[in-house]
Amino acid sequence: MMNRRTFTSAAALFALTACSNKFRVYNGPAVTSVVVQKGRRKMFLLHNNKVLEQYEFELGFAPTGHKKTEGDGRTPEGAYYIDRKNPNSRFYLSIGISYPNDADRARARAMGKSPGGDIFIHGTPRLSLNRDDWTAGCLAVTDREMEDIYAMVNVGTPIFLYA
């Protein structure tokens, strides 16, 4: 017969395990780059030239063109890298894109504006993607897809975003 202390410990362990299921473990080939094709709404996780996974996504509310200023609803285009991971994102899990770079800051400064920032790949508050662009410039995938992306993509991974 289980005593009260053993039962409480077992219940706590079960609760912790149940809560931590959004953090998956990935033991496959390293993701060496992420390629985003905005127009096709396709994101590819690559190991060298081999596609490991691909995902569809939603973009900012003004998806066409390179992000220029804060609040323009666009997603950056160009070469960046993954610069952080956020396990406590408002949108489930997220990984940060290193926008803005020096050229982005200079372009915005020449217009007398802020380039903005905080561009992420993140989950979605909806149960499933409906393919309507709604973010402030981020890429949104399903929460389940974000679990895999979060596990597979490391800080420092290059990301290439194309029109």
N, C-alpha and C. Protein backbone atom coordinates (compact mmCIF):
# COMPACT_ATOMS: atom_id res chain seq x y z
N MET A 1 0.84 -1.18 0.00
CA MET A 1 0.00 0.00 0.00
C MET A 1 0.89 1.24 0.00
N MET A 2 0.51 2.21 -0.80
CA MET A 2 1.27 3.45 -0.93
C MET A 2 0.95 4.37 0.24
N ASN A 3 2.02 4.92 0.87
CA ASN A 3 1.74 5.89 1.94
C ASN A 3 1.47 7.26 1.32
N ARG A 4 1.03 8.16 2.16
CA ARG A 4 0.61 9.48 1.68
C ARG A 4 1.77 10.25 1.02
N ARG A 5 2.96 10.19 1.62
CA ARG A 5 4.12 10.91 1.09
C ARG A 5 4.49 10.36 -0.30
N THR A 6 4.51 9.05 -0.46
CA THR A 6 4.84 8.45 -1.75
C THR A 6 3.80 8.83 -2.80
N PHE A 7 2.52 8.81 -2.41
CA PHE A 7 1.45 9.18 -3.34
C PHE A 7 1.59 10.65 -3.76
N THR A 8 1.87 11.54 -2.81
CA THR A 8 2.03 12.96 -3.11
C THR A 8 3.21 13.18 -4.04
N SER A 9 4.32 12.50 -3.78
CA SER A 9 5.50 12.62 -4.65
C SER A 9 5.20 12.11 -6.05
N ALA A 10 4.51 11.00 -6.15
CA ALA A 10 4.17 10.43 -7.45
C ALA A 10 3.23 11.37 -8.20
N ALA A 11 2.26 11.94 -7.50
CA ALA A 11 1.33 12.87 -8.14
C ALA A 11 2.06 14.11 -8.63
N ALA A 12 2.99 14.63 -7.84
CA ALA A 12 3.75 15.81 -8.25
C ALA A 12 4.61 15.50 -9.47
N LEU A 13 5.25 14.35 -9.49
CA LEU A 13 6.06 13.96 -10.64
C LEU A 13 5.20 13.83 -11.89
N PHE A 14 4.03 13.22 -11.76
CA PHE A 14 3.12 13.09 -12.90
C PHE A 14 2.70 14.47 -13.40
N ALA A 15 2.40 15.38 -12.49
CA ALA A 15 1.97 16.73 -12.88
C ALA A 15 3.10 17.45 -13.61
N LEU A 16 4.31 17.34 -13.12
CA LEU A 16 5.45 17.98 -13.79
C LEU A 16 5.67 17.39 -15.17
N THR A 17 5.56 16.10 -15.29
CA THR A 17 5.73 15.44 -16.58
C THR A 17 4.64 15.88 -17.55
N ALA A 18 3.43 15.96 -17.09
CA ALA A 18 2.31 16.37 -17.95
C ALA A 18 2.48 17.82 -18.41
N CYS A 19 3.01 18.68 -17.55
CA CYS A 19 3.19 20.08 -17.90
C CYS A 19 4.36 20.30 -18.85
N SER A 20 5.32 19.40 -18.85
CA SER A 20 6.54 19.64 -19.63
C SER A 20 6.49 19.01 -21.01
N ASN A 21 5.34 18.55 -21.46
CA ASN A 21 5.29 17.85 -22.75
C ASN A 21 5.47 18.77 -23.94
N LYS A 22 5.45 20.09 -23.77
CA LYS A 22 5.69 20.97 -24.91
C LYS A 22 7.18 21.04 -25.25
N PHE A 23 8.03 20.55 -24.37
CA PHE A 23 9.46 20.54 -24.61
C PHE A 23 9.88 19.17 -25.11
N ARG A 24 9.98 19.06 -26.41
CA ARG A 24 10.34 17.81 -27.04
C ARG A 24 11.85 17.67 -27.13
N VAL A 25 12.29 16.45 -27.33
CA VAL A 25 13.71 16.16 -27.52
C VAL A 25 13.91 15.77 -28.97
N TYR A 26 14.94 16.31 -29.58
CA TYR A 26 15.27 15.99 -30.97
C TYR A 26 16.67 15.40 -31.01
N ASN A 27 16.80 14.23 -31.60
CA ASN A 27 18.08 13.55 -31.67
C ASN A 27 18.54 13.30 -33.10
N GLY A 28 17.96 13.98 -34.07
CA GLY A 28 18.31 13.78 -35.47
C GLY A 28 19.47 14.65 -35.90
N PRO A 29 19.68 14.74 -37.21
CA PRO A 29 20.76 15.59 -37.74
C PRO A 29 20.52 17.06 -37.36
N ALA A 30 21.60 17.78 -37.14
CA ALA A 30 21.50 19.19 -36.76
C ALA A 30 20.85 20.01 -37.85
N VAL A 31 20.00 20.94 -37.46
CA VAL A 31 19.46 21.91 -38.41
C VAL A 31 20.57 22.94 -38.64
N THR A 32 21.07 23.00 -39.88
CA THR A 32 22.17 23.90 -40.20
C THR A 32 21.67 25.22 -40.78
N SER A 33 20.42 25.27 -41.23
CA SER A 33 19.83 26.52 -41.69
C SER A 33 18.31 26.38 -41.78
N VAL A 34 17.66 27.53 -41.76
CA VAL A 34 16.22 27.63 -41.95
C VAL A 34 16.02 28.50 -43.19
N VAL A 35 15.19 28.03 -44.12
CA VAL A 35 14.89 28.79 -45.33
C VAL A 35 13.39 29.07 -45.34
N VAL A 36 13.05 30.34 -45.51
CA VAL A 36 11.66 30.77 -45.52
C VAL A 36 11.34 31.36 -46.89
N GLN A 37 10.30 30.84 -47.53
CA GLN A 37 9.80 31.39 -48.79
C GLN A 37 8.45 32.01 -48.49
N LYS A 38 8.46 33.33 -48.26
CA LYS A 38 7.26 34.03 -47.82
C LYS A 38 6.11 33.88 -48.81
N GLY A 39 6.38 34.06 -50.09
CA GLY A 39 5.32 34.00 -51.10
C GLY A 39 4.63 32.65 -51.16
N ARG A 40 5.39 31.59 -50.97
CA ARG A 40 4.83 30.23 -50.98
C ARG A 40 4.32 29.80 -49.62
N ARG A 41 4.60 30.59 -48.59
CA ARG A 41 4.25 30.27 -47.19
C ARG A 41 4.85 28.92 -46.80
N LYS A 42 6.13 28.74 -47.13
CA LYS A 42 6.84 27.50 -46.80
C LYS A 42 8.11 27.82 -46.03
N MET A 43 8.34 27.06 -44.97
CA MET A 43 9.56 27.15 -44.19
C MET A 43 10.20 25.76 -44.19
N PHE A 44 11.51 25.74 -44.44
CA PHE A 44 12.24 24.49 -44.53
C PHE A 44 13.34 24.48 -43.47
N LEU A 45 13.41 23.40 -42.70
CA LEU A 45 14.52 23.18 -41.78
C LEU A 45 15.47 22.24 -42.50
N LEU A 46 16.72 22.69 -42.68
CA LEU A 46 17.68 21.94 -43.49
C LEU A 46 18.87 21.46 -42.68
N HIS A 47 19.37 20.30 -43.05
CA HIS A 47 20.69 19.83 -42.62
C HIS A 47 21.53 19.85 -43.89
N ASN A 48 22.43 20.82 -43.97
CA ASN A 48 23.17 21.09 -45.21
C ASN A 48 22.15 21.31 -46.32
N ASN A 49 22.09 20.48 -47.34
CA ASN A 49 21.13 20.67 -48.44
C ASN A 49 19.92 19.76 -48.35
N LYS A 50 19.80 19.00 -47.27
CA LYS A 50 18.69 18.05 -47.12
C LYS A 50 17.58 18.65 -46.27
N VAL A 51 16.36 18.62 -46.79
CA VAL A 51 15.21 19.11 -46.04
C VAL A 51 14.84 18.08 -44.97
N LEU A 52 14.87 18.52 -43.72
CA LEU A 52 14.47 17.66 -42.61
C LEU A 52 12.97 17.76 -42.35
N GLU A 53 12.47 18.97 -42.38
CA GLU A 53 11.04 19.24 -42.14
C GLU A 53 10.64 20.46 -42.94
N GLN A 54 9.34 20.55 -43.24
CA GLN A 54 8.81 21.77 -43.85
C GLN A 54 7.47 22.09 -43.23
N TYR A 55 7.18 23.38 -43.18
CA TYR A 55 5.98 23.87 -42.51
C TYR A 55 5.34 24.99 -43.32
N GLU A 56 4.04 25.11 -43.20
CA GLU A 56 3.31 26.27 -43.70
C GLU A 56 3.17 27.24 -42.54
N PHE A 57 2.97 28.51 -42.82
CA PHE A 57 2.90 29.50 -41.76
C PHE A 57 2.04 30.68 -42.19
N GLU A 58 1.70 31.50 -41.20
CA GLU A 58 1.03 32.78 -41.42
C GLU A 58 2.05 33.88 -41.17
N LEU A 59 1.85 35.02 -41.83
CA LEU A 59 2.77 36.15 -41.74
C LEU A 59 2.11 37.36 -41.09
N GLY A 60 2.80 38.48 -41.21
CA GLY A 60 2.26 39.75 -40.73
C GLY A 60 1.09 40.21 -41.57
N PHE A 61 0.35 41.18 -41.05
CA PHE A 61 -0.87 41.65 -41.71
C PHE A 61 -0.59 42.37 -43.03
N ALA A 62 0.67 42.72 -43.31
CA ALA A 62 1.07 43.31 -44.60
C ALA A 62 2.25 42.47 -45.10
N PRO A 63 2.00 41.30 -45.64
CA PRO A 63 3.06 40.32 -45.85
C PRO A 63 4.03 40.61 -47.00
N THR A 64 3.70 41.48 -47.92
CA THR A 64 4.53 41.70 -49.10
C THR A 64 5.63 42.72 -48.81
N GLY A 65 6.85 42.39 -49.19
CA GLY A 65 7.98 43.31 -49.04
C GLY A 65 8.75 43.10 -47.75
N HIS A 66 9.93 43.71 -47.71
CA HIS A 66 10.84 43.62 -46.57
C HIS A 66 10.39 44.57 -45.46
N LYS A 67 10.51 44.12 -44.23
CA LYS A 67 10.19 44.97 -43.08
C LYS A 67 11.10 46.19 -43.09
N LYS A 68 10.52 47.38 -42.95
CA LYS A 68 11.29 48.62 -42.95
C LYS A 68 11.19 49.37 -41.64
N THR A 69 9.99 49.39 -41.07
CA THR A 69 9.80 50.18 -39.86
C THR A 69 8.89 49.45 -38.88
N GLU A 70 9.00 49.89 -37.65
CA GLU A 70 8.16 49.33 -36.60
C GLU A 70 6.68 49.54 -36.94
N GLY A 71 5.90 48.50 -36.77
CA GLY A 71 4.46 48.60 -36.99
C GLY A 71 4.00 48.46 -38.42
N ASP A 72 4.91 48.17 -39.37
CA ASP A 72 4.49 48.07 -40.77
C ASP A 72 3.85 46.72 -41.11
N GLY A 73 3.86 45.76 -40.18
CA GLY A 73 3.19 44.47 -40.40
C GLY A 73 3.92 43.56 -41.36
N ARG A 74 5.14 43.91 -41.72
CA ARG A 74 5.90 43.09 -42.66
C ARG A 74 6.87 42.18 -41.93
N THR A 75 7.27 41.12 -42.62
CA THR A 75 8.27 40.19 -42.13
C THR A 75 9.57 40.48 -42.87
N PRO A 76 10.69 40.50 -42.16
CA PRO A 76 11.95 40.80 -42.83
C PRO A 76 12.27 39.83 -43.96
N GLU A 77 13.12 40.29 -44.87
CA GLU A 77 13.68 39.45 -45.93
C GLU A 77 15.18 39.61 -45.86
N GLY A 78 15.90 38.52 -46.05
CA GLY A 78 17.35 38.58 -46.03
C GLY A 78 17.94 37.51 -45.13
N ALA A 79 19.23 37.67 -44.85
CA ALA A 79 19.98 36.71 -44.04
C ALA A 79 20.06 37.20 -42.59
N TYR A 80 19.60 36.37 -41.68
CA TYR A 80 19.63 36.65 -40.25
C TYR A 80 20.06 35.38 -39.54
N TYR A 81 19.88 35.31 -38.24
CA TYR A 81 20.15 34.09 -37.49
C TYR A 81 19.18 34.01 -36.31
N ILE A 82 19.03 32.82 -35.77
CA ILE A 82 18.17 32.63 -34.60
C ILE A 82 18.97 33.15 -33.40
N ASP A 83 18.41 34.14 -32.70
CA ASP A 83 19.19 34.78 -31.63
C ASP A 83 18.69 34.51 -30.22
N ARG A 84 17.55 33.82 -30.07
CA ARG A 84 17.06 33.50 -28.73
C ARG A 84 15.91 32.53 -28.81
N LYS A 85 15.63 31.91 -27.66
CA LYS A 85 14.47 31.04 -27.51
C LYS A 85 13.66 31.54 -26.33
N ASN A 86 12.34 31.52 -26.47
CA ASN A 86 11.46 31.98 -25.41
C ASN A 86 10.48 30.87 -25.04
N PRO A 87 10.72 30.19 -23.91
CA PRO A 87 9.81 29.12 -23.50
C PRO A 87 8.51 29.64 -22.91
N ASN A 88 8.43 30.95 -22.64
CA ASN A 88 7.25 31.55 -22.01
C ASN A 88 6.57 32.56 -22.92
N SER A 89 6.59 32.30 -24.20
CA SER A 89 6.01 33.21 -25.18
C SER A 89 4.50 33.36 -24.99
N ARG A 90 3.99 34.53 -25.32
CA ARG A 90 2.53 34.73 -25.38
C ARG A 90 1.90 33.79 -26.38
N PHE A 91 2.72 33.35 -27.35
CA PHE A 91 2.23 32.47 -28.41
C PHE A 91 2.88 31.10 -28.28
N TYR A 92 2.77 30.52 -27.07
CA TYR A 92 3.16 29.16 -26.74
C TYR A 92 4.67 29.02 -26.57
N LEU A 93 5.42 28.87 -27.65
CA LEU A 93 6.87 28.84 -27.67
C LEU A 93 7.31 29.75 -28.81
N SER A 94 8.53 30.28 -28.73
CA SER A 94 9.01 31.09 -29.85
C SER A 94 10.52 31.06 -29.93
N ILE A 95 11.00 31.30 -31.16
CA ILE A 95 12.43 31.48 -31.39
C ILE A 95 12.61 32.81 -32.11
N GLY A 96 13.58 33.58 -31.67
CA GLY A 96 13.77 34.94 -32.18
C GLY A 96 14.66 34.99 -33.41
N ILE A 97 14.32 35.91 -34.30
CA ILE A 97 15.10 36.20 -35.51
C ILE A 97 15.86 37.49 -35.25
N SER A 98 17.12 37.55 -35.66
CA SER A 98 18.02 38.64 -35.29
C SER A 98 17.74 39.99 -35.95
N TYR A 99 16.57 40.19 -36.53
CA TYR A 99 16.16 41.49 -37.06
C TYR A 99 16.03 42.48 -35.91
N PRO A 100 16.49 43.71 -36.03
CA PRO A 100 17.10 44.35 -37.19
C PRO A 100 18.63 44.20 -37.17
N ASN A 101 19.21 44.16 -38.36
CA ASN A 101 20.67 44.19 -38.46
C ASN A 101 21.11 45.64 -38.70
N ASP A 102 22.39 45.86 -38.90
CA ASP A 102 22.90 47.23 -39.07
C ASP A 102 22.26 47.94 -40.27
N ALA A 103 22.11 47.22 -41.39
CA ALA A 103 21.50 47.82 -42.58
C ALA A 103 20.04 48.19 -42.33
N ASP A 104 19.31 47.34 -41.60
CA ASP A 104 17.91 47.64 -41.27
C ASP A 104 17.81 48.89 -40.41
N ARG A 105 18.70 49.01 -39.42
CA ARG A 105 18.69 50.18 -38.55
C ARG A 105 19.02 51.45 -39.34
N ALA A 106 20.00 51.36 -40.22
CA ALA A 106 20.38 52.53 -41.03
C ALA A 106 19.24 52.96 -41.95
N ARG A 107 18.57 52.00 -42.57
CA ARG A 107 17.46 52.31 -43.48
C ARG A 107 16.34 53.02 -42.72
N ALA A 108 15.99 52.50 -41.56
CA ALA A 108 14.92 53.11 -40.77
C ALA A 108 15.34 54.50 -40.27
N ARG A 109 16.59 54.61 -39.84
CA ARG A 109 17.09 55.91 -39.35
C ARG A 109 17.02 56.96 -40.45
N ALA A 110 17.34 56.57 -41.69
CA ALA A 110 17.28 57.51 -42.83
C ALA A 110 15.85 57.98 -43.07
N MET A 111 14.86 57.18 -42.67
CA MET A 111 13.46 57.58 -42.80
C MET A 111 12.95 58.27 -41.55
N GLY A 112 13.82 58.39 -40.54
CA GLY A 112 13.43 59.03 -39.29
C GLY A 112 12.52 58.16 -38.44
N LYS A 113 12.65 56.85 -38.58
CA LYS A 113 11.76 55.92 -37.88
C LYS A 113 12.56 54.84 -37.17
N SER A 114 11.86 54.07 -36.35
CA SER A 114 12.44 52.90 -35.69
C SER A 114 12.27 51.68 -36.61
N PRO A 115 13.27 50.78 -36.67
CA PRO A 115 13.13 49.59 -37.50
C PRO A 115 12.20 48.55 -36.87
N GLY A 116 11.89 48.70 -35.60
CA GLY A 116 11.11 47.68 -34.91
C GLY A 116 12.03 46.54 -34.49
N GLY A 117 11.45 45.46 -34.09
CA GLY A 117 12.21 44.30 -33.63
C GLY A 117 11.26 43.24 -33.12
N ASP A 118 11.79 42.35 -32.30
CA ASP A 118 11.00 41.25 -31.73
C ASP A 118 10.26 40.47 -32.80
N ILE A 119 11.01 40.02 -33.80
CA ILE A 119 10.46 39.17 -34.85
C ILE A 119 10.75 37.72 -34.47
N PHE A 120 9.72 36.89 -34.46
CA PHE A 120 9.83 35.51 -33.99
C PHE A 120 9.16 34.54 -34.95
N ILE A 121 9.53 33.29 -34.81
CA ILE A 121 8.72 32.17 -35.27
C ILE A 121 8.03 31.69 -34.00
N HIS A 122 6.71 31.61 -34.03
CA HIS A 122 5.98 31.25 -32.80
C HIS A 122 4.73 30.45 -33.10
N GLY A 123 4.12 29.96 -32.03
CA GLY A 123 2.85 29.25 -32.14
C GLY A 123 1.73 30.23 -32.43
N THR A 124 0.52 29.71 -32.38
CA THR A 124 -0.64 30.54 -32.71
C THR A 124 -1.70 30.39 -31.62
N PRO A 125 -2.41 31.47 -31.33
CA PRO A 125 -3.46 31.38 -30.31
C PRO A 125 -4.70 30.65 -30.80
N ARG A 126 -4.76 30.35 -32.08
CA ARG A 126 -5.92 29.65 -32.63
C ARG A 126 -5.69 28.15 -32.55
N LEU A 127 -6.77 27.39 -32.65
CA LEU A 127 -6.65 25.93 -32.61
C LEU A 127 -5.93 25.40 -33.84
N SER A 128 -6.13 26.03 -34.98
CA SER A 128 -5.42 25.63 -36.19
C SER A 128 -5.24 26.87 -37.07
N LEU A 129 -4.25 26.82 -37.92
CA LEU A 129 -4.01 27.95 -38.81
C LEU A 129 -5.12 28.05 -39.84
N ASN A 130 -5.58 29.26 -40.09
CA ASN A 130 -6.59 29.42 -41.13
C ASN A 130 -6.01 30.15 -42.34
N ARG A 131 -4.69 30.32 -42.35
CA ARG A 131 -3.94 30.91 -43.45
C ARG A 131 -4.22 32.39 -43.68
N ASP A 132 -4.84 33.06 -42.73
CA ASP A 132 -4.98 34.51 -42.80
C ASP A 132 -3.77 35.12 -42.12
N ASP A 133 -3.15 36.11 -42.75
CA ASP A 133 -2.00 36.77 -42.16
C ASP A 133 -2.48 37.74 -41.08
N TRP A 134 -1.92 37.62 -39.89
CA TRP A 134 -2.43 38.37 -38.76
C TRP A 134 -1.34 38.86 -37.80
N THR A 135 -0.11 38.36 -37.91
CA THR A 135 0.90 38.72 -36.92
C THR A 135 1.38 40.16 -37.15
N ALA A 136 2.26 40.62 -36.27
CA ALA A 136 2.84 41.96 -36.41
C ALA A 136 4.12 41.91 -37.25
N GLY A 137 4.40 40.77 -37.87
CA GLY A 137 5.60 40.61 -38.69
C GLY A 137 6.30 39.29 -38.44
N CYS A 138 5.76 38.50 -37.55
CA CYS A 138 6.34 37.20 -37.21
C CYS A 138 5.83 36.12 -38.15
N LEU A 139 6.37 34.91 -37.99
CA LEU A 139 5.88 33.73 -38.69
C LEU A 139 5.16 32.87 -37.66
N ALA A 140 3.92 32.50 -37.91
CA ALA A 140 3.13 31.71 -36.97
C ALA A 140 2.85 30.32 -37.54
N VAL A 141 3.14 29.31 -36.74
CA VAL A 141 2.84 27.92 -37.07
C VAL A 141 1.94 27.37 -35.97
N THR A 142 1.46 26.14 -36.11
CA THR A 142 0.65 25.57 -35.04
C THR A 142 1.52 25.33 -33.82
N ASP A 143 0.90 25.24 -32.66
CA ASP A 143 1.64 24.98 -31.44
C ASP A 143 2.39 23.65 -31.53
N ARG A 144 1.77 22.64 -32.08
CA ARG A 144 2.42 21.33 -32.21
C ARG A 144 3.65 21.42 -33.10
N GLU A 145 3.55 22.15 -34.20
CA GLU A 145 4.70 22.35 -35.08
C GLU A 145 5.79 23.14 -34.36
N MET A 146 5.38 24.12 -33.55
CA MET A 146 6.34 24.93 -32.82
C MET A 146 7.13 24.09 -31.83
N GLU A 147 6.51 23.08 -31.26
CA GLU A 147 7.24 22.18 -30.35
C GLU A 147 8.42 21.53 -31.07
N ASP A 148 8.19 21.07 -32.28
CA ASP A 148 9.26 20.45 -33.06
C ASP A 148 10.33 21.46 -33.45
N ILE A 149 9.90 22.62 -33.95
CA ILE A 149 10.84 23.65 -34.37
C ILE A 149 11.70 24.09 -33.19
N TYR A 150 11.07 24.30 -32.05
CA TYR A 150 11.78 24.73 -30.84
C TYR A 150 12.84 23.70 -30.45
N ALA A 151 12.52 22.43 -30.57
CA ALA A 151 13.46 21.36 -30.22
C ALA A 151 14.59 21.23 -31.25
N MET A 152 14.28 21.48 -32.51
CA MET A 152 15.25 21.22 -33.59
C MET A 152 16.20 22.37 -33.87
N VAL A 153 15.75 23.61 -33.71
CA VAL A 153 16.52 24.77 -34.14
C VAL A 153 17.23 25.40 -32.94
N ASN A 154 18.54 25.55 -33.07
CA ASN A 154 19.34 26.11 -31.98
C ASN A 154 19.64 27.59 -32.21
N VAL A 155 19.92 28.28 -31.12
CA VAL A 155 20.39 29.66 -31.20
C VAL A 155 21.67 29.66 -32.03
N GLY A 156 21.77 30.62 -32.94
CA GLY A 156 22.92 30.72 -33.82
C GLY A 156 22.68 30.16 -35.21
N THR A 157 21.57 29.43 -35.40
CA THR A 157 21.26 28.86 -36.71
C THR A 157 20.93 29.97 -37.70
N PRO A 158 21.56 29.96 -38.89
CA PRO A 158 21.22 30.96 -39.90
C PRO A 158 19.79 30.77 -40.42
N ILE A 159 19.12 31.88 -40.70
CA ILE A 159 17.78 31.84 -41.30
C ILE A 159 17.78 32.79 -42.49
N PHE A 160 17.28 32.29 -43.61
CA PHE A 160 17.24 33.06 -44.86
C PHE A 160 15.78 33.24 -45.25
N LEU A 161 15.34 34.49 -45.29
CA LEU A 161 13.95 34.80 -45.60
C LEU A 161 13.88 35.43 -46.99
N TYR A 162 13.11 34.80 -47.88
CA TYR A 162 12.96 35.25 -49.27
C TYR A 162 11.54 35.71 -49.53
N ALA A 163 11.39 36.59 -50.50
CA ALA A 163 10.07 37.11 -50.89
C ALA A 163 9.14 36.00 -51.33
